[in-house]
Amino acid sequence: MRVDNRLTDGAPMEPLECARCAAQVLVRKSSWQQTSVQWNARAVETCAERDPGARYFRGCGSLRDTIREAALLGTIGVVDRDEDEPHPGSPGHEG
């Protein structure tokens, strides 16, 4: 198996605060389809959609929306911005 590191080489994780609950996580948006999120204990406790005692967590919709909006506005970088970039009028894109 060949590992392609082009999208992650030199791309640091960036702090981002959820628009709903202000939980702060670290995010790296490698492409429009791939996002890495690093949670810390404080973010887990703060998240309005995450149960700290739950065994499984499928993700936070509010944080997902915040990340998408931040990427569209350029608040956070998208390493491979040209790969299937959302266009105005596409689902989830407002403006």
Protein backbone atom coordinates (compact mmCIF):
# COMPACT_ATOMS: atom_id res chain seq x y z
CA MET A 1 0.00 0.00 0.00
CA ARG A 2 1.31 3.43 -0.96
CA VAL A 3 0.81 6.21 1.58
CA ASP A 4 0.26 9.66 0.09
CA ASN A 5 1.49 12.30 2.54
CA ARG A 6 1.13 15.30 0.20
CA LEU A 7 -2.00 16.57 1.94
CA THR A 8 -0.64 16.37 5.48
CA ASP A 9 3.01 17.37 5.01
CA GLY A 10 3.51 20.71 6.68
CA ALA A 11 -0.19 21.28 7.31
CA PRO A 12 -0.57 22.14 10.99
CA MET A 13 -3.76 21.67 12.93
CA GLU A 14 -5.52 24.95 13.64
CA PRO A 15 -7.61 25.90 16.68
CA LEU A 16 -11.30 26.40 15.95
CA GLU A 17 -14.19 27.24 18.26
CA CYS A 18 -17.62 25.73 17.67
CA ALA A 19 -20.18 28.43 16.82
CA ARG A 20 -22.83 26.71 18.96
CA CYS A 21 -21.12 25.88 22.24
CA ALA A 22 -17.62 27.39 21.99
CA ALA A 23 -15.85 24.03 22.40
CA GLN A 24 -12.33 24.59 21.04
CA VAL A 25 -10.73 21.78 19.05
CA LEU A 26 -7.79 21.49 16.67
CA VAL A 27 -8.70 21.04 13.01
CA ARG A 28 -6.87 20.21 9.79
CA LYS A 29 -8.85 20.35 6.55
CA SER A 30 -6.77 18.33 4.09
CA SER A 31 -9.40 18.56 1.35
CA TRP A 32 -13.12 19.31 1.10
CA GLN A 33 -13.78 15.63 1.81
CA GLN A 34 -11.22 15.02 4.58
CA THR A 35 -11.11 16.70 7.97
CA SER A 36 -9.10 15.78 11.05
CA VAL A 37 -10.36 16.92 14.45
CA GLN A 38 -8.42 16.61 17.69
CA TRP A 39 -10.50 16.84 20.86
CA ASN A 40 -9.18 17.59 24.33
CA ALA A 41 -10.93 16.93 27.65
CA ARG A 42 -12.23 20.48 27.94
CA ALA A 43 -13.77 20.38 24.44
CA VAL A 44 -15.44 17.04 25.24
CA GLU A 45 -16.99 18.54 28.37
CA THR A 46 -18.06 21.73 26.56
CA CYS A 47 -19.59 20.17 23.43
CA ALA A 48 -23.38 20.52 23.40
CA GLU A 49 -23.78 17.32 21.34
CA ARG A 50 -21.14 15.07 22.89
CA ASP A 51 -21.78 12.94 25.95
CA PRO A 52 -18.44 12.65 27.81
CA GLY A 53 -19.51 9.29 29.24
CA ALA A 54 -20.62 7.78 25.92
CA ARG A 55 -18.61 4.91 24.54
CA TYR A 56 -19.06 5.96 20.90
CA PHE A 57 -19.34 9.36 19.28
CA ARG A 58 -20.41 9.82 15.66
CA GLY A 59 -19.50 13.49 15.51
CA CYS A 60 -20.95 16.87 16.27
CA GLY A 61 -23.18 18.39 13.60
CA SER A 62 -22.69 21.90 14.95
CA LEU A 63 -18.91 21.56 14.84
CA ARG A 64 -19.09 20.04 11.35
CA ASP A 65 -21.09 23.11 10.21
CA THR A 66 -18.61 25.45 11.91
CA ILE A 67 -15.66 23.76 10.19
CA ARG A 68 -17.33 23.90 6.78
CA GLU A 69 -18.19 27.58 7.19
CA ALA A 70 -14.66 28.39 8.39
CA ALA A 71 -13.19 26.62 5.35
CA LEU A 72 -15.53 28.41 2.94
CA LEU A 73 -14.69 31.78 4.50
CA GLY A 74 -10.95 31.03 4.61
CA THR A 75 -10.79 31.20 8.41
CA ILE A 76 -9.07 27.81 8.33
CA GLY A 77 -6.95 26.56 5.49
CA VAL A 78 -7.83 23.75 3.11
CA VAL A 79 -4.60 22.07 2.03
CA ASP A 80 -5.94 20.84 -1.33
CA ARG A 81 -8.43 23.66 -1.95
CA ASP A 82 -8.92 22.82 -5.65
CA GLU A 83 -10.11 19.25 -5.06
CA ASP A 84 -13.88 19.29 -5.59
CA GLU A 85 -14.24 22.74 -4.08
CA PRO A 86 -17.83 23.59 -3.18
CA HIS A 87 -19.39 26.19 -5.43
CA PRO A 88 -22.07 28.77 -4.63
CA GLY A 89 -25.45 27.11 -4.68
CA SER A 90 -24.12 23.67 -3.74
CA PRO A 91 -25.61 21.93 -0.66
CA GLY A 92 -24.21 23.43 2.51
CA HIS A 93 -22.85 26.51 0.77
CA GLU A 94 -24.55 29.75 1.54
CA GLY A 95 -23.78 32.95 -0.28
